[in-house]
Amino acid sequence: MAKGERRVLLVLGEYVEDYEAMVPFQALQAYGVSVDAVCPGKKAGDIYRTAIHQLSPAHQTYSESRGHNFALNATFDDIEFNKYDGLIIPGGRAPEYLAMDALVLELVRKFSDS
């Protein structure tokens, strides 16, 4: 990492909330921050799917629509947490199962402890 360069890790999973992944990924890059998007069990270049959740006034909960295909630009197994200035874990359905992944939990603990 070059001196002064900022880098953020974006941990994603299938059917993550679309705008919670896409907006930080694009906005941070627009401000010159490098963003590595990873997903456990996937490699750079692999695709994962996003979801769009919408609250309907006629229902008591959200409906879910298919979002985008998102290409990962880094590999989860290659992460070195000390190379990052921040961690983002978007919402949606993905955190439900990411929270049970021992490697994700270990990674989050490292960030928290640092």
PDB file of N, CA and C in Angstrom:
ATOM      1  N   MET A   1       0.851  -1.168   0.000  1.00  0.00           N
ATOM      2  CA  MET A   1       0.000   0.000   0.000  1.00  0.00           C
ATOM      3  C   MET A   1       0.895   1.229   0.000  1.00  0.00           C
ATOM      4  N   ALA A   2       0.656   2.151  -0.908  1.00  0.00           N
ATOM      5  CA  ALA A   2       1.434   3.373  -1.000  1.00  0.00           C
ATOM      6  C   ALA A   2       1.152   4.272   0.195  1.00  0.00           C
ATOM      7  N   LYS A   3       2.167   5.049   0.564  1.00  0.00           N
ATOM      8  CA  LYS A   3       2.002   5.965   1.692  1.00  0.00           C
ATOM      9  C   LYS A   3       0.850   6.927   1.414  1.00  0.00           C
ATOM     10  N   GLY A   4      -0.049   7.031   2.362  1.00  0.00           N
ATOM     11  CA  GLY A   4      -1.195   7.914   2.212  1.00  0.00           C
ATOM     12  C   GLY A   4      -2.386   7.288   1.511  1.00  0.00           C
ATOM     13  N   GLU A   5      -2.183   6.125   0.912  1.00  0.00           N
ATOM     14  CA  GLU A   5      -3.286   5.447   0.237  1.00  0.00           C
ATOM     15  C   GLU A   5      -4.235   4.855   1.278  1.00  0.00           C
ATOM     16  N   ARG A   6      -5.518   5.025   1.050  1.00  0.00           N
ATOM     17  CA  ARG A   6      -6.537   4.450   1.934  1.00  0.00           C
ATOM     18  C   ARG A   6      -7.124   3.223   1.250  1.00  0.00           C
ATOM     19  N   ARG A   7      -7.395   2.193   2.073  1.00  0.00           N
ATOM     20  CA  ARG A   7      -7.935   0.941   1.533  1.00  0.00           C
ATOM     21  C   ARG A   7      -9.010   0.431   2.489  1.00  0.00           C
ATOM     22  N   VAL A   8     -10.132   0.010   1.917  1.00  0.00           N
ATOM     23  CA  VAL A   8     -11.264  -0.495   2.696  1.00  0.00           C
ATOM     24  C   VAL A   8     -11.618  -1.888   2.183  1.00  0.00           C
ATOM     25  N   LEU A   9     -12.002  -2.753   3.118  1.00  0.00           N
ATOM     26  CA  LEU A   9     -12.440  -4.101   2.783  1.00  0.00           C
ATOM     27  C   LEU A   9     -13.959  -4.160   2.862  1.00  0.00           C
ATOM     28  N   LEU A  10     -14.582  -4.620   1.801  1.00  0.00           N
ATOM     29  CA  LEU A  10     -16.026  -4.754   1.710  1.00  0.00           C
ATOM     30  C   LEU A  10     -16.339  -6.248   1.674  1.00  0.00           C
ATOM     31  N   VAL A  11     -16.887  -6.785   2.787  1.00  0.00           N
ATOM     32  CA  VAL A  11     -17.193  -8.216   2.873  1.00  0.00           C
ATOM     33  C   VAL A  11     -18.651  -8.417   2.473  1.00  0.00           C
ATOM     34  N   LEU A  12     -18.833  -9.188   1.421  1.00  0.00           N
ATOM     35  CA  LEU A  12     -20.148  -9.371   0.825  1.00  0.00           C
ATOM     36  C   LEU A  12     -20.572 -10.829   0.872  1.00  0.00           C
ATOM     37  N   GLY A  13     -21.835 -11.050   0.613  1.00  0.00           N
ATOM     38  CA  GLY A  13     -22.375 -12.399   0.499  1.00  0.00           C
ATOM     39  C   GLY A  13     -23.548 -12.365  -0.464  1.00  0.00           C
ATOM     40  N   GLU A  14     -23.969 -13.542  -0.881  1.00  0.00           N
ATOM     41  CA  GLU A  14     -25.099 -13.617  -1.802  1.00  0.00           C
ATOM     42  C   GLU A  14     -26.319 -12.896  -1.233  1.00  0.00           C
ATOM     43  N   TYR A  15     -26.946 -12.126  -2.067  1.00  0.00           N
ATOM     44  CA  TYR A  15     -28.164 -11.379  -1.767  1.00  0.00           C
ATOM     45  C   TYR A  15     -27.974 -10.329  -0.684  1.00  0.00           C
ATOM     46  N   VAL A  16     -26.785  -9.731  -0.684  1.00  0.00           N
ATOM     47  CA  VAL A  16     -26.554  -8.547   0.136  1.00  0.00           C
ATOM     48  C   VAL A  16     -27.462  -7.438  -0.403  1.00  0.00           C
ATOM     49  N   GLU A  17     -27.821  -6.488   0.445  1.00  0.00           N
ATOM     50  CA  GLU A  17     -28.656  -5.356  -0.002  1.00  0.00           C
ATOM     51  C   GLU A  17     -27.899  -4.587  -1.078  1.00  0.00           C
ATOM     52  N   ASP A  18     -28.499  -4.446  -2.237  1.00  0.00           N
ATOM     53  CA  ASP A  18     -27.855  -3.872  -3.413  1.00  0.00           C
ATOM     54  C   ASP A  18     -27.211  -2.518  -3.138  1.00  0.00           C
ATOM     55  N   TYR A  19     -27.966  -1.545  -2.679  1.00  0.00           N
ATOM     56  CA  TYR A  19     -27.419  -0.199  -2.523  1.00  0.00           C
ATOM     57  C   TYR A  19     -26.418  -0.110  -1.388  1.00  0.00           C
ATOM     58  N   GLU A  20     -26.486  -1.016  -0.412  1.00  0.00           N
ATOM     59  CA  GLU A  20     -25.525  -0.993   0.687  1.00  0.00           C
ATOM     60  C   GLU A  20     -24.172  -1.540   0.260  1.00  0.00           C
ATOM     61  N   ALA A  21     -24.135  -2.233  -0.850  1.00  0.00           N
ATOM     62  CA  ALA A  21     -22.868  -2.709  -1.418  1.00  0.00           C
ATOM     63  C   ALA A  21     -22.391  -1.786  -2.530  1.00  0.00           C
ATOM     64  N   MET A  22     -23.283  -1.467  -3.456  1.00  0.00           N
ATOM     65  CA  MET A  22     -22.898  -0.702  -4.641  1.00  0.00           C
ATOM     66  C   MET A  22     -22.498   0.734  -4.310  1.00  0.00           C
ATOM     67  N   VAL A  23     -23.248   1.397  -3.439  1.00  0.00           N
ATOM     68  CA  VAL A  23     -22.976   2.809  -3.146  1.00  0.00           C
ATOM     69  C   VAL A  23     -21.623   2.998  -2.469  1.00  0.00           C
ATOM     70  N   PRO A  24     -21.318   2.278  -1.365  1.00  0.00           N
ATOM     71  CA  PRO A  24     -19.993   2.479  -0.777  1.00  0.00           C
ATOM     72  C   PRO A  24     -18.859   2.082  -1.723  1.00  0.00           C
ATOM     73  N   PHE A  25     -19.057   1.004  -2.476  1.00  0.00           N
ATOM     74  CA  PHE A  25     -18.025   0.551  -3.408  1.00  0.00           C
ATOM     75  C   PHE A  25     -17.693   1.662  -4.402  1.00  0.00           C
ATOM     76  N   GLN A  26     -18.713   2.263  -4.996  1.00  0.00           N
ATOM     77  CA  GLN A  26     -18.489   3.290  -6.008  1.00  0.00           C
ATOM     78  C   GLN A  26     -18.107   4.642  -5.400  1.00  0.00           C
ATOM     79  N   ALA A  27     -18.762   5.024  -4.312  1.00  0.00           N
ATOM     80  CA  ALA A  27     -18.495   6.331  -3.712  1.00  0.00           C
ATOM     81  C   ALA A  27     -17.087   6.416  -3.138  1.00  0.00           C
ATOM     82  N   LEU A  28     -16.658   5.395  -2.430  1.00  0.00           N
ATOM     83  CA  LEU A  28     -15.306   5.414  -1.868  1.00  0.00           C
ATOM     84  C   LEU A  28     -14.258   5.492  -2.967  1.00  0.00           C
ATOM     85  N   GLN A  29     -14.462   4.758  -4.036  1.00  0.00           N
ATOM     86  CA  GLN A  29     -13.525   4.824  -5.154  1.00  0.00           C
ATOM     87  C   GLN A  29     -13.517   6.217  -5.773  1.00  0.00           C
ATOM     88  N   ALA A  30     -14.672   6.858  -5.841  1.00  0.00           N
ATOM     89  CA  ALA A  30     -14.750   8.204  -6.400  1.00  0.00           C
ATOM     90  C   ALA A  30     -13.936   9.194  -5.571  1.00  0.00           C
ATOM     91  N   TYR A  31     -13.768   8.899  -4.282  1.00  0.00           N
ATOM     92  CA  TYR A  31     -12.971   9.750  -3.391  1.00  0.00           C
ATOM     93  C   TYR A  31     -11.527   9.267  -3.261  1.00  0.00           C
ATOM     94  N   GLY A  32     -11.131   8.327  -4.102  1.00  0.00           N
ATOM     95  CA  GLY A  32      -9.753   7.887  -4.126  1.00  0.00           C
ATOM     96  C   GLY A  32      -9.398   6.784  -3.144  1.00  0.00           C
ATOM     97  N   VAL A  33     -10.410   6.168  -2.533  1.00  0.00           N
ATOM     98  CA  VAL A  33     -10.173   5.070  -1.596  1.00  0.00           C
ATOM     99  C   VAL A  33     -10.222   3.756  -2.370  1.00  0.00           C
ATOM    100  N   SER A  34      -9.225   2.913  -2.182  1.00  0.00           N
ATOM    101  CA  SER A  34      -9.236   1.587  -2.803  1.00  0.00           C
ATOM    102  C   SER A  34     -10.194   0.697  -2.028  1.00  0.00           C
ATOM    103  N   VAL A  35     -11.037  -0.029  -2.743  1.00  0.00           N
ATOM    104  CA  VAL A  35     -12.018  -0.916  -2.112  1.00  0.00           C
ATOM    105  C   VAL A  35     -11.831  -2.322  -2.657  1.00  0.00           C
ATOM    106  N   ASP A  36     -11.573  -3.261  -1.750  1.00  0.00           N
ATOM    107  CA  ASP A  36     -11.500  -4.662  -2.137  1.00  0.00           C
ATOM    108  C   ASP A  36     -12.810  -5.324  -1.735  1.00  0.00           C
ATOM    109  N   ALA A  37     -13.550  -5.819  -2.718  1.00  0.00           N
ATOM    110  CA  ALA A  37     -14.813  -6.504  -2.483  1.00  0.00           C
ATOM    111  C   ALA A  37     -14.560  -8.006  -2.496  1.00  0.00           C
ATOM    112  N   VAL A  38     -14.878  -8.657  -1.363  1.00  0.00           N
ATOM    113  CA  VAL A  38     -14.627 -10.089  -1.207  1.00  0.00           C
ATOM    114  C   VAL A  38     -15.872 -10.803  -0.702  1.00  0.00           C
ATOM    115  N   CYS A  39     -15.888 -12.111  -0.896  1.00  0.00           N
ATOM    116  CA  CYS A  39     -16.972 -12.955  -0.412  1.00  0.00           C
ATOM    117  C   CYS A  39     -16.361 -14.299  -0.017  1.00  0.00           C
ATOM    118  N   PRO A  40     -16.665 -14.785   1.193  1.00  0.00           N
ATOM    119  CA  PRO A  40     -16.114 -16.078   1.600  1.00  0.00           C
ATOM    120  C   PRO A  40     -16.430 -17.169   0.569  1.00  0.00           C
ATOM    121  N   GLY A  41     -15.415 -17.946   0.251  1.00  0.00           N
ATOM    122  CA  GLY A  41     -15.601 -19.045  -0.685  1.00  0.00           C
ATOM    123  C   GLY A  41     -15.536 -18.648  -2.150  1.00  0.00           C
ATOM    124  N   LYS A  42     -15.298 -17.362  -2.429  1.00  0.00           N
ATOM    125  CA  LYS A  42     -15.229 -16.911  -3.818  1.00  0.00           C
ATOM    126  C   LYS A  42     -13.897 -16.214  -4.071  1.00  0.00           C
ATOM    127  N   LYS A  43     -13.561 -16.122  -5.357  1.00  0.00           N
ATOM    128  CA  LYS A  43     -12.297 -15.522  -5.761  1.00  0.00           C
ATOM    129  C   LYS A  43     -12.554 -14.252  -6.568  1.00  0.00           C
ATOM    130  N   ALA A  44     -11.497 -13.466  -6.724  1.00  0.00           N
ATOM    131  CA  ALA A  44     -11.564 -12.278  -7.573  1.00  0.00           C
ATOM    132  C   ALA A  44     -12.080 -12.691  -8.949  1.00  0.00           C
ATOM    133  N   GLY A  45     -13.018 -11.932  -9.475  1.00  0.00           N
ATOM    134  CA  GLY A  45     -13.616 -12.228 -10.774  1.00  0.00           C
ATOM    135  C   GLY A  45     -14.911 -13.004 -10.684  1.00  0.00           C
ATOM    136  N   ASP A  46     -15.135 -13.683  -9.548  1.00  0.00           N
ATOM    137  CA  ASP A  46     -16.405 -14.390  -9.364  1.00  0.00           C
ATOM    138  C   ASP A  46     -17.536 -13.379  -9.213  1.00  0.00           C
ATOM    139  N   ILE A  47     -18.732 -13.830  -9.506  1.00  0.00           N
ATOM    140  CA  ILE A  47     -19.923 -12.984  -9.439  1.00  0.00           C
ATOM    141  C   ILE A  47     -20.763 -13.401  -8.226  1.00  0.00           C
ATOM    142  N   TYR A  48     -21.322 -12.408  -7.545  1.00  0.00           N
ATOM    143  CA  TYR A  48     -22.331 -12.710  -6.538  1.00  0.00           C
ATOM    144  C   TYR A  48     -23.535 -11.835  -6.840  1.00  0.00           C
ATOM    145  N   ARG A  49     -24.664 -12.192  -6.283  1.00  0.00           N
ATOM    146  CA  ARG A  49     -25.922 -11.508  -6.583  1.00  0.00           C
ATOM    147  C   ARG A  49     -26.326 -10.589  -5.434  1.00  0.00           C
ATOM    148  N   THR A  50     -26.919  -9.467  -5.789  1.00  0.00           N
ATOM    149  CA  THR A  50     -27.465  -8.569  -4.776  1.00  0.00           C
ATOM    150  C   THR A  50     -28.988  -8.667  -4.789  1.00  0.00           C
ATOM    151  N   ALA A  51     -29.612  -8.078  -3.778  1.00  0.00           N
ATOM    152  CA  ALA A  51     -31.077  -8.051  -3.681  1.00  0.00           C
ATOM    153  C   ALA A  51     -31.514  -6.629  -3.351  1.00  0.00           C
ATOM    154  N   ILE A  52     -32.712  -6.308  -3.769  1.00  0.00           N
ATOM    155  CA  ILE A  52     -33.312  -5.009  -3.462  1.00  0.00           C
ATOM    156  C   ILE A  52     -34.541  -5.277  -2.606  1.00  0.00           C
ATOM    157  N   HIS A  53     -34.530  -4.733  -1.411  1.00  0.00           N
ATOM    158  CA  HIS A  53     -35.654  -4.916  -0.480  1.00  0.00           C
ATOM    159  C   HIS A  53     -36.506  -3.656  -0.480  1.00  0.00           C
ATOM    160  N   GLN A  54     -37.798  -3.831  -0.640  1.00  0.00           N
ATOM    161  CA  GLN A  54     -38.720  -2.702  -0.698  1.00  0.00           C
ATOM    162  C   GLN A  54     -39.890  -2.943   0.237  1.00  0.00           C
ATOM    163  N   LEU A  55     -40.228  -1.914   1.008  1.00  0.00           N
ATOM    164  CA  LEU A  55     -41.374  -2.004   1.901  1.00  0.00           C
ATOM    165  C   LEU A  55     -42.615  -1.561   1.145  1.00  0.00           C
ATOM    166  N   SER A  56     -43.610  -2.415   1.133  1.00  0.00           N
ATOM    167  CA  SER A  56     -44.868  -2.105   0.476  1.00  0.00           C
ATOM    168  C   SER A  56     -45.873  -1.672   1.529  1.00  0.00           C
ATOM    169  N   PRO A  57     -46.613  -0.601   1.293  1.00  0.00           N
ATOM    170  CA  PRO A  57     -47.618  -0.172   2.267  1.00  0.00           C
ATOM    171  C   PRO A  57     -48.710  -1.224   2.489  1.00  0.00           C
ATOM    172  N   ALA A  58     -48.831  -2.152   1.553  1.00  0.00           N
ATOM    173  CA  ALA A  58     -49.878  -3.173   1.659  1.00  0.00           C
ATOM    174  C   ALA A  58     -49.434  -4.387   2.471  1.00  0.00           C
ATOM    175  N   HIS A  59     -48.139  -4.431   2.839  1.00  0.00           N
ATOM    176  CA  HIS A  59     -47.623  -5.604   3.541  1.00  0.00           C
ATOM    177  C   HIS A  59     -46.931  -5.200   4.844  1.00  0.00           C
ATOM    178  N   GLN A  60     -46.735  -6.159   5.709  1.00  0.00           N
ATOM    179  CA  GLN A  60     -46.097  -5.889   6.992  1.00  0.00           C
ATOM    180  C   GLN A  60     -44.584  -6.069   6.959  1.00  0.00           C
ATOM    181  N   THR A  61     -44.058  -6.519   5.844  1.00  0.00           N
ATOM    182  CA  THR A  61     -42.622  -6.729   5.745  1.00  0.00           C
ATOM    183  C   THR A  61     -42.146  -6.355   4.348  1.00  0.00           C
ATOM    184  N   TYR A  62     -40.894  -6.569   4.099  1.00  0.00           N
ATOM    185  CA  TYR A  62     -40.288  -6.190   2.837  1.00  0.00           C
ATOM    186  C   TYR A  62     -40.444  -7.288   1.789  1.00  0.00           C
ATOM    187  N   SER A  63     -40.498  -6.859   0.536  1.00  0.00           N
ATOM    188  CA  SER A  63     -40.399  -7.815  -0.562  1.00  0.00           C
ATOM    189  C   SER A  63     -38.955  -7.766  -1.060  1.00  0.00           C
ATOM    190  N   GLU A  64     -38.558  -8.820  -1.728  1.00  0.00           N
ATOM    191  CA  GLU A  64     -37.182  -8.890  -2.206  1.00  0.00           C
ATOM    192  C   GLU A  64     -37.179  -9.098  -3.704  1.00  0.00           C
ATOM    193  N   SER A  65     -36.434  -8.245  -4.393  1.00  0.00           N
ATOM    194  CA  SER A  65     -36.274  -8.357  -5.840  1.00  0.00           C
ATOM    195  C   SER A  65     -34.806  -8.611  -6.151  1.00  0.00           C
ATOM    196  N   ARG A  66     -34.572  -9.199  -7.287  1.00  0.00           N
ATOM    197  CA  ARG A  66     -33.204  -9.450  -7.732  1.00  0.00           C
ATOM    198  C   ARG A  66     -32.534  -8.132  -8.039  1.00  0.00           C
ATOM    199  N   GLY A  67     -31.306  -7.951  -7.575  1.00  0.00           N
ATOM    200  CA  GLY A  67     -30.531  -6.745  -7.848  1.00  0.00           C
ATOM    201  C   GLY A  67     -29.568  -6.969  -9.003  1.00  0.00           C
ATOM    202  N   HIS A  68     -28.314  -6.642  -8.762  1.00  0.00           N
ATOM    203  CA  HIS A  68     -27.279  -6.734  -9.790  1.00  0.00           C
ATOM    204  C   HIS A  68     -26.400  -7.969  -9.604  1.00  0.00           C
ATOM    205  N   ASN A  69     -25.679  -8.292 -10.648  1.00  0.00           N
ATOM    206  CA  ASN A  69     -24.537  -9.196 -10.539  1.00  0.00           C
ATOM    207  C   ASN A  69     -23.342  -8.309 -10.228  1.00  0.00           C
ATOM    208  N   PHE A  70     -22.591  -8.646  -9.216  1.00  0.00           N
ATOM    209  CA  PHE A  70     -21.472  -7.830  -8.754  1.00  0.00           C
ATOM    210  C   PHE A  70     -20.216  -8.676  -8.878  1.00  0.00           C
ATOM    211  N   ALA A  71     -19.229  -8.197  -9.603  1.00  0.00           N
ATOM    212  CA  ALA A  71     -17.974  -8.928  -9.769  1.00  0.00           C
ATOM    213  C   ALA A  71     -17.024  -8.576  -8.627  1.00  0.00           C
ATOM    214  N   LEU A  72     -16.554  -9.588  -7.943  1.00  0.00           N
ATOM    215  CA  LEU A  72     -15.597  -9.389  -6.856  1.00  0.00           C
ATOM    216  C   LEU A  72     -14.247  -9.009  -7.440  1.00  0.00           C
ATOM    217  N   ASN A  73     -13.521  -8.140  -6.751  1.00  0.00           N
ATOM    218  CA  ASN A  73     -12.222  -7.718  -7.268  1.00  0.00           C
ATOM    219  C   ASN A  73     -11.057  -8.190  -6.397  1.00  0.00           C
ATOM    220  N   ALA A  74     -11.338  -9.018  -5.391  1.00  0.00           N
ATOM    221  CA  ALA A  74     -10.297  -9.582  -4.536  1.00  0.00           C
ATOM    222  C   ALA A  74     -10.770 -10.950  -4.042  1.00  0.00           C
ATOM    223  N   THR A  75      -9.851 -11.705  -3.485  1.00  0.00           N
ATOM    224  CA  THR A  75     -10.139 -13.061  -3.005  1.00  0.00           C
ATOM    225  C   THR A  75     -10.129 -13.079  -1.486  1.00  0.00           C
ATOM    226  N   PHE A  76     -11.211 -13.579  -0.885  1.00  0.00           N
ATOM    227  CA  PHE A  76     -11.355 -13.599   0.571  1.00  0.00           C
ATOM    228  C   PHE A  76     -10.171 -14.289   1.251  1.00  0.00           C
ATOM    229  N   ASP A  77      -9.740 -15.420   0.722  1.00  0.00           N
ATOM    230  CA  ASP A  77      -8.666 -16.189   1.360  1.00  0.00           C
ATOM    231  C   ASP A  77      -7.313 -15.478   1.335  1.00  0.00           C
ATOM    232  N   ASP A  78      -7.179 -14.441   0.517  1.00  0.00           N
ATOM    233  CA  ASP A  78      -5.914 -13.708   0.409  1.00  0.00           C
ATOM    234  C   ASP A  78      -5.859 -12.453   1.276  1.00  0.00           C
ATOM    235  N   ILE A  79      -6.898 -12.196   2.059  1.00  0.00           N
ATOM    236  CA  ILE A  79      -6.990 -10.964   2.839  1.00  0.00           C
ATOM    237  C   ILE A  79      -5.919 -10.919   3.925  1.00  0.00           C
ATOM    238  N   GLU A  80      -5.271  -9.764   4.022  1.00  0.00           N
ATOM    239  CA  GLU A  80      -4.384  -9.452   5.146  1.00  0.00           C
ATOM    240  C   GLU A  80      -4.981  -8.219   5.805  1.00  0.00           C
ATOM    241  N   PHE A  81      -5.680  -8.423   6.932  1.00  0.00           N
ATOM    242  CA  PHE A  81      -6.491  -7.350   7.511  1.00  0.00           C
ATOM    243  C   PHE A  81      -5.684  -6.098   7.831  1.00  0.00           C
ATOM    244  N   ASN A  82      -4.399  -6.245   8.135  1.00  0.00           N
ATOM    245  CA  ASN A  82      -3.596  -5.081   8.515  1.00  0.00           C
ATOM    246  C   ASN A  82      -3.274  -4.167   7.329  1.00  0.00           C
ATOM    247  N   LYS A  83      -3.680  -4.540   6.128  1.00  0.00           N
ATOM    248  CA  LYS A  83      -3.493  -3.683   4.955  1.00  0.00           C
ATOM    249  C   LYS A  83      -4.683  -2.759   4.716  1.00  0.00           C
ATOM    250  N   TYR A  84      -5.684  -2.829   5.615  1.00  0.00           N
ATOM    251  CA  TYR A  84      -6.921  -2.063   5.412  1.00  0.00           C
ATOM    252  C   TYR A  84      -7.127  -1.031   6.513  1.00  0.00           C
ATOM    253  N   ASP A  85      -7.738   0.071   6.107  1.00  0.00           N
ATOM    254  CA  ASP A  85      -8.080   1.138   7.046  1.00  0.00           C
ATOM    255  C   ASP A  85      -9.495   1.008   7.571  1.00  0.00           C
ATOM    256  N   GLY A  86     -10.301   0.196   6.929  1.00  0.00           N
ATOM    257  CA  GLY A  86     -11.694   0.068   7.353  1.00  0.00           C
ATOM    258  C   GLY A  86     -12.327  -1.199   6.830  1.00  0.00           C
ATOM    259  N   LEU A  87     -13.465  -1.517   7.429  1.00  0.00           N
ATOM    260  CA  LEU A  87     -14.232  -2.719   7.085  1.00  0.00           C
ATOM    261  C   LEU A  87     -15.696  -2.328   6.937  1.00  0.00           C
ATOM    262  N   ILE A  88     -16.318  -2.801   5.866  1.00  0.00           N
ATOM    263  CA  ILE A  88     -17.744  -2.581   5.647  1.00  0.00           C
ATOM    264  C   ILE A  88     -18.394  -3.944   5.419  1.00  0.00           C
ATOM    265  N   ILE A  89     -19.480  -4.203   6.165  1.00  0.00           N
ATOM    266  CA  ILE A  89     -20.290  -5.402   5.940  1.00  0.00           C
ATOM    267  C   ILE A  89     -21.715  -4.922   5.704  1.00  0.00           C
ATOM    268  N   PRO A  90     -22.138  -4.871   4.436  1.00  0.00           N
ATOM    269  CA  PRO A  90     -23.484  -4.389   4.124  1.00  0.00           C
ATOM    270  C   PRO A  90     -24.573  -5.325   4.659  1.00  0.00           C
ATOM    271  N   GLY A  91     -25.791  -4.799   4.722  1.00  0.00           N
ATOM    272  CA  GLY A  91     -26.932  -5.563   5.221  1.00  0.00           C
ATOM    273  C   GLY A  91     -27.576  -6.421   4.152  1.00  0.00           C
ATOM    274  N   GLY A  92     -28.833  -6.727   4.364  1.00  0.00           N
ATOM    275  CA  GLY A  92     -29.554  -7.638   3.486  1.00  0.00           C
ATOM    276  C   GLY A  92     -29.569  -9.020   4.115  1.00  0.00           C
ATOM    277  N   ARG A  93     -29.663 -10.040   3.294  1.00  0.00           N
ATOM    278  CA  ARG A  93     -29.679 -11.412   3.817  1.00  0.00           C
ATOM    279  C   ARG A  93     -28.290 -11.938   4.139  1.00  0.00           C
ATOM    280  N   ALA A  94     -27.277 -11.407   3.492  1.00  0.00           N
ATOM    281  CA  ALA A  94     -25.919 -11.935   3.649  1.00  0.00           C
ATOM    282  C   ALA A  94     -25.436 -11.974   5.106  1.00  0.00           C
ATOM    283  N   PRO A  95     -25.630 -10.943   5.909  1.00  0.00           N
ATOM    284  CA  PRO A  95     -25.116 -11.007   7.285  1.00  0.00           C
ATOM    285  C   PRO A  95     -25.707 -12.136   8.115  1.00  0.00           C
ATOM    286  N   GLU A  96     -26.870 -12.632   7.724  1.00  0.00           N
ATOM    287  CA  GLU A  96     -27.477 -13.740   8.458  1.00  0.00           C
ATOM    288  C   GLU A  96     -26.575 -14.963   8.445  1.00  0.00           C
ATOM    289  N   TYR A  97     -25.927 -15.235   7.330  1.00  0.00           N
ATOM    290  CA  TYR A  97     -25.050 -16.408   7.284  1.00  0.00           C
ATOM    291  C   TYR A  97     -23.578 -16.032   7.426  1.00  0.00           C
ATOM    292  N   LEU A  98     -23.197 -14.797   7.096  1.00  0.00           N
ATOM    293  CA  LEU A  98     -21.813 -14.384   7.326  1.00  0.00           C
ATOM    294  C   LEU A  98     -21.490 -14.412   8.822  1.00  0.00           C
ATOM    295  N   ALA A  99     -22.495 -14.134   9.653  1.00  0.00           N
ATOM    296  CA  ALA A  99     -22.298 -14.118  11.107  1.00  0.00           C
ATOM    297  C   ALA A  99     -22.030 -15.511  11.668  1.00  0.00           C
ATOM    298  N   MET A 100     -22.228 -16.547  10.859  1.00  0.00           N
ATOM    299  CA  MET A 100     -21.964 -17.910  11.312  1.00  0.00           C
ATOM    300  C   MET A 100     -20.700 -18.481  10.677  1.00  0.00           C
ATOM    301  N   ASP A 101     -20.003 -17.673   9.900  1.00  0.00           N
ATOM    302  CA  ASP A 101     -18.780 -18.108   9.238  1.00  0.00           C
ATOM    303  C   ASP A 101     -17.594 -17.787  10.152  1.00  0.00           C
ATOM    304  N   ALA A 102     -16.895 -18.818  10.614  1.00  0.00           N
ATOM    305  CA  ALA A 102     -15.805 -18.641  11.571  1.00  0.00           C
ATOM    306  C   ALA A 102     -14.706 -17.720  11.029  1.00  0.00           C
ATOM    307  N   LEU A 103     -14.418 -17.793   9.736  1.00  0.00           N
ATOM    308  CA  LEU A 103     -13.368 -16.944   9.167  1.00  0.00           C
ATOM    309  C   LEU A 103     -13.790 -15.479   9.124  1.00  0.00           C
ATOM    310  N   VAL A 104     -15.064 -15.231   8.856  1.00  0.00           N
ATOM    311  CA  VAL A 104     -15.572 -13.858   8.871  1.00  0.00           C
ATOM    312  C   VAL A 104     -15.526 -13.314  10.295  1.00  0.00           C
ATOM    313  N   LEU A 105     -15.954 -14.114  11.261  1.00  0.00           N
ATOM    314  CA  LEU A 105     -15.922 -13.676  12.660  1.00  0.00           C
ATOM    315  C   LEU A 105     -14.501 -13.370  13.118  1.00  0.00           C
ATOM    316  N   GLU A 106     -13.558 -14.208  12.733  1.00  0.00           N
ATOM    317  CA  GLU A 106     -12.154 -13.966  13.093  1.00  0.00           C
ATOM    318  C   GLU A 106     -11.658 -12.660  12.477  1.00  0.00           C
ATOM    319  N   LEU A 107     -12.021 -12.415  11.222  1.00  0.00           N
ATOM    320  CA  LEU A 107     -11.630 -11.189  10.539  1.00  0.00           C
ATOM    321  C   LEU A 107     -12.210  -9.967  11.239  1.00  0.00           C
ATOM    322  N   VAL A 108     -13.494 -10.024  11.587  1.00  0.00           N
ATOM    323  CA  VAL A 108     -14.134  -8.892  12.260  1.00  0.00           C
ATOM    324  C   VAL A 108     -13.469  -8.640  13.615  1.00  0.00           C
ATOM    325  N   ARG A 109     -13.145  -9.704  14.340  1.00  0.00           N
ATOM    326  CA  ARG A 109     -12.453  -9.539  15.635  1.00  0.00           C
ATOM    327  C   ARG A 109     -11.100  -8.846  15.454  1.00  0.00           C
ATOM    328  N   LYS A 110     -10.369  -9.212  14.419  1.00  0.00           N
ATOM    329  CA  LYS A 110      -9.072  -8.577  14.162  1.00  0.00           C
ATOM    330  C   LYS A 110      -9.249  -7.083  13.924  1.00  0.00           C
ATOM    331  N   PHE A 111     -10.239  -6.722  13.128  1.00  0.00           N
ATOM    332  CA  PHE A 111     -10.500  -5.307  12.884  1.00  0.00           C
ATOM    333  C   PHE A 111     -10.893  -4.609  14.175  1.00  0.00           C
ATOM    334  N   SER A 112     -11.755  -5.232  14.935  1.00  0.00           N
ATOM    335  CA  SER A 112     -12.226  -4.644  16.181  1.00  0.00           C
ATOM    336  C   SER A 112     -11.078  -4.449  17.178  1.00  0.00           C
ATOM    337  N   ASP A 113     -10.225  -5.447  17.284  1.00  0.00           N
ATOM    338  CA  ASP A 113      -9.114  -5.386  18.227  1.00  0.00           C
ATOM    339  C   ASP A 113      -8.045  -4.371  17.814  1.00  0.00           C
ATOM    340  N   SER A 114      -7.979  -4.089  16.511  1.00  0.00           N
ATOM    341  CA  SER A 114      -6.935  -3.161  16.038  1.00  0.00           C
ATOM    342  C   SER A 114      -7.350  -1.728  16.261  1.00  0.00           C
TER     343      SER A 114
END
